[in-house]
Protein backbone atom coordinates (compact mmCIF):
# COMPACT_ATOMS: atom_id res chain seq x y z
CA VAL A 1 0.00 0.00 0.00
CA LEU A 2 1.33 3.40 -0.99
CA THR A 3 1.04 6.50 1.14
CA TYR A 4 -0.20 9.76 -0.38
CA VAL A 5 3.38 11.04 -0.68
CA ASP A 6 4.57 7.80 -2.32
CA LEU A 7 1.67 7.87 -4.79
CA ASN A 8 2.34 11.54 -5.57
CA THR A 9 6.03 10.76 -6.19
CA LEU A 10 5.13 7.83 -8.44
CA LEU A 11 2.66 9.90 -10.47
CA CYS A 12 5.22 12.69 -10.95
CA GLN A 13 7.77 10.15 -12.19
CA ILE A 14 5.20 8.61 -14.55
CA GLU A 15 4.38 12.10 -15.82
CA ALA A 16 8.10 12.60 -16.56
CA CYS A 17 8.21 9.30 -18.49
CA ILE A 18 5.25 10.29 -20.65
CA ASN A 19 6.56 13.82 -21.22
CA SER A 20 9.96 12.51 -22.33
CA ARG A 21 8.65 10.69 -25.41
CA PRO A 22 10.00 12.01 -28.72
CA LEU A 23 7.44 13.64 -31.02
CA THR A 24 9.28 15.05 -34.01
CA PRO A 25 12.83 16.00 -35.02
CA LEU A 26 14.01 19.24 -33.46
CA SER A 27 15.64 20.30 -36.74
CA ASN A 28 16.15 19.13 -40.32
CA ASP A 29 19.91 18.95 -39.82
CA PRO A 30 20.99 15.36 -40.67
CA SER A 31 23.63 15.40 -37.93
CA ASP A 32 21.13 16.48 -35.25
CA LEU A 33 19.76 13.47 -33.36
CA THR A 34 17.55 15.36 -30.91
CA ALA A 35 13.78 15.30 -30.88
CA LEU A 36 11.09 17.64 -29.65
CA THR A 37 9.27 16.25 -26.60
CA PRO A 38 6.24 17.41 -24.58
CA ALA A 39 8.76 18.47 -21.90
CA HIS A 40 10.11 21.13 -24.26
CA PHE A 41 6.68 22.81 -24.11
CA LEU A 42 6.41 22.43 -20.34
CA ILE A 43 9.90 23.34 -19.10
CA GLY A 44 11.72 24.46 -22.25
CA ASP A 45 14.15 21.51 -22.36
CA SER A 46 14.24 17.73 -22.37
CA LEU A 47 14.00 15.76 -19.14
CA ILE A 48 17.04 14.04 -17.67
CA ALA A 49 16.93 10.84 -15.63
CA PHE A 50 19.57 9.76 -13.18
CA PRO A 51 20.69 6.13 -13.38
CA GLU A 52 19.05 3.94 -10.78
CA ALA A 53 19.29 0.32 -9.72
CA ASN A 54 17.10 -2.21 -11.49
CA LEU A 55 14.76 -3.73 -8.88
CA PRO A 56 12.41 -6.16 -10.65
CA ASP A 57 13.98 -9.31 -9.19
CA LEU A 58 13.70 -8.41 -5.51
CA PRO A 59 10.62 -9.63 -3.61
CA VAL A 60 8.18 -6.81 -2.87
CA ASN A 61 8.25 -7.47 0.89
CA ARG A 62 12.02 -6.77 0.98
CA LEU A 63 11.82 -3.37 -0.69
CA LYS A 64 11.93 -0.12 1.23
CA ARG A 65 9.29 2.49 0.42
CA TYR A 66 11.53 4.40 -2.01
CA GLN A 67 12.56 1.17 -3.71
CA LEU A 68 8.91 0.14 -4.01
CA VAL A 69 8.06 3.42 -5.75
CA GLN A 70 11.05 2.95 -8.08
CA ARG A 71 10.00 -0.60 -8.88
CA LEU A 72 6.46 0.53 -9.69
CA ARG A 73 7.89 3.25 -11.95
CA GLN A 74 10.11 0.71 -13.69
CA HIS A 75 7.11 -1.57 -14.18
CA PHE A 76 5.11 1.31 -15.65
CA TRP A 77 8.03 2.28 -17.92
CA SER A 78 8.59 -1.23 -19.25
CA ARG A 79 4.93 -1.73 -20.02
CA TRP A 80 4.18 1.75 -21.34
CA SER A 81 7.29 2.06 -23.49
CA LEU A 82 6.68 -1.39 -24.99
CA GLU A 83 3.05 -0.55 -25.78
CA TYR A 84 3.90 2.96 -27.01
CA ILE A 85 6.64 1.70 -29.30
CA SER A 86 4.35 -1.06 -30.57
CA GLU A 87 1.71 1.56 -31.35
CA LEU A 88 4.25 3.68 -33.25
CA GLN A 89 5.31 0.64 -35.19
CA SER A 90 1.84 -0.70 -35.97
CA ARG A 91 1.60 -1.94 -39.50
CA SER A 92 -1.56 -3.08 -41.16
CA LYS A 93 -0.60 -5.85 -43.54
CA TRP A 94 -2.01 -5.52 -47.03
CA SER A 95 -4.81 -3.13 -46.07
CA LYS A 96 -2.74 0.08 -46.24
CA THR A 97 0.38 1.01 -48.06
CA HIS A 98 3.00 2.88 -46.09
CA PRO A 99 5.76 4.96 -47.65
CA ASN A 100 9.25 3.51 -47.51
CA LEU A 101 11.57 4.94 -44.87
CA GLN A 102 13.82 7.56 -46.44
CA PRO A 103 17.34 8.75 -45.62
CA GLY A 104 17.20 11.67 -43.20
CA THR A 105 14.21 10.32 -41.23
CA LEU A 106 14.62 10.42 -37.44
CA VAL A 107 13.61 7.10 -35.90
CA LEU A 108 13.32 5.50 -32.49
CA LEU A 109 15.35 2.29 -32.06
CA LYS A 110 13.57 -0.48 -30.20
CA ASP A 111 15.46 -1.51 -27.07
CA ASN A 112 13.60 -3.13 -24.18
CA GLN A 113 16.56 -2.75 -21.82
CA LEU A 114 16.69 1.05 -21.72
CA PRO A 115 15.95 2.76 -18.39
CA PRO A 116 13.11 5.29 -18.01
CA LEU A 117 13.45 8.60 -19.86
CA GLN A 118 16.08 7.14 -22.18
CA TRP A 119 15.07 6.94 -25.83
CA LYS A 120 17.63 5.76 -28.37
CA LEU A 121 17.25 7.93 -31.45
CA GLY A 122 18.94 7.65 -34.81
CA ARG A 123 18.76 9.15 -38.27
CA ILE A 124 18.54 6.95 -41.35
CA VAL A 125 21.56 7.48 -43.59
CA ALA A 126 21.01 4.71 -46.18
CA VAL A 127 18.29 2.24 -47.15
CA THR A 128 18.50 -1.26 -48.63
CA GLN A 129 15.53 -2.45 -50.63
CA GLY A 130 14.39 -6.00 -51.25
CA ARG A 131 13.46 -7.51 -54.60
CA ASP A 132 9.97 -6.05 -54.20
CA ASN A 133 11.39 -2.47 -53.99
CA LEU A 134 10.33 -2.16 -50.35
CA THR A 135 12.82 -1.00 -47.76
CA ARG A 136 13.90 -3.93 -45.57
CA VAL A 137 17.15 -2.80 -43.90
CA VAL A 138 18.48 0.67 -43.14
CA SER A 139 21.74 2.14 -41.91
CA VAL A 140 21.08 4.32 -38.88
CA LYS A 141 23.42 6.96 -37.46
CA THR A 142 23.25 7.07 -33.65
CA ASP A 143 25.38 8.74 -31.00
CA SER A 144 27.57 5.64 -30.95
CA GLY A 145 28.08 5.33 -34.71
CA VAL A 146 26.33 3.84 -37.74
CA THR A 147 24.53 0.50 -37.42
CA GLN A 148 22.31 -1.56 -39.68
CA ARG A 149 18.82 -2.42 -38.48
CA ALA A 150 15.82 -4.16 -39.95
CA ILE A 151 12.86 -1.82 -40.30
CA THR A 152 10.96 -4.03 -37.85
CA LYS A 153 13.33 -2.77 -35.13
CA LEU A 154 12.70 0.91 -35.93
CA CYS A 155 9.81 3.24 -35.20
CA PRO A 156 9.35 6.49 -37.12
CA LEU A 157 8.44 9.36 -34.83
CA PRO A 158 4.69 10.05 -34.61
CA ILE A 159 5.00 13.52 -36.17
CA ASP A 160 7.69 13.30 -38.80
CA TYR A 161 8.21 15.58 -41.72
CA PRO A 162 9.97 14.50 -44.89
CA PRO A 163 13.68 15.32 -44.98
CA ALA A 164 14.48 18.82 -46.22
CA ASP A 165 14.71 19.07 -49.98
CA ASN A 166 17.05 21.83 -51.08
CA THR A 167 15.84 21.83 -54.70
CA HIS A 168 12.98 24.27 -54.01
CA GLN A 169 13.90 27.58 -52.44
CA ASP A 170 11.57 30.51 -51.95
CA SER A 171 12.79 33.67 -53.64
CA ALA A 172 10.89 36.37 -51.80
């Protein structure tokens, strides 16, 4: 049973998790791997989480109050991030056509082991198409370098704009 203070703490931490989700690229710069989040509207910057111990294996009766709140937050994060990422990645087979992922698109990399408030973002630098001319594998630039990922392990951001095209410039 949580006290009022514990519940308030947990709800504030859950609010931070939800407000840390990436919405759209912050800029069209291909080297920029940052995304706009709801926190940018609330506090003017992204939220930062401090590393904490992973507590899912300890029995609930052995946890102190703070640890119990942290475990509940971790449970919320694992479930919500999995469901949120699955929703971003939802594909309706054969009923709708989706555009191929293009170089320059900012994507979220699926990783079930990331702690709360940590979203691994990358920008597509190259695509590899299958025999059916559909994108199957992409090269993604992340903070740690360029890796290849299947498109099933990537999630385009919910509000993504096509990469900037420099062929059309306004002459006003």
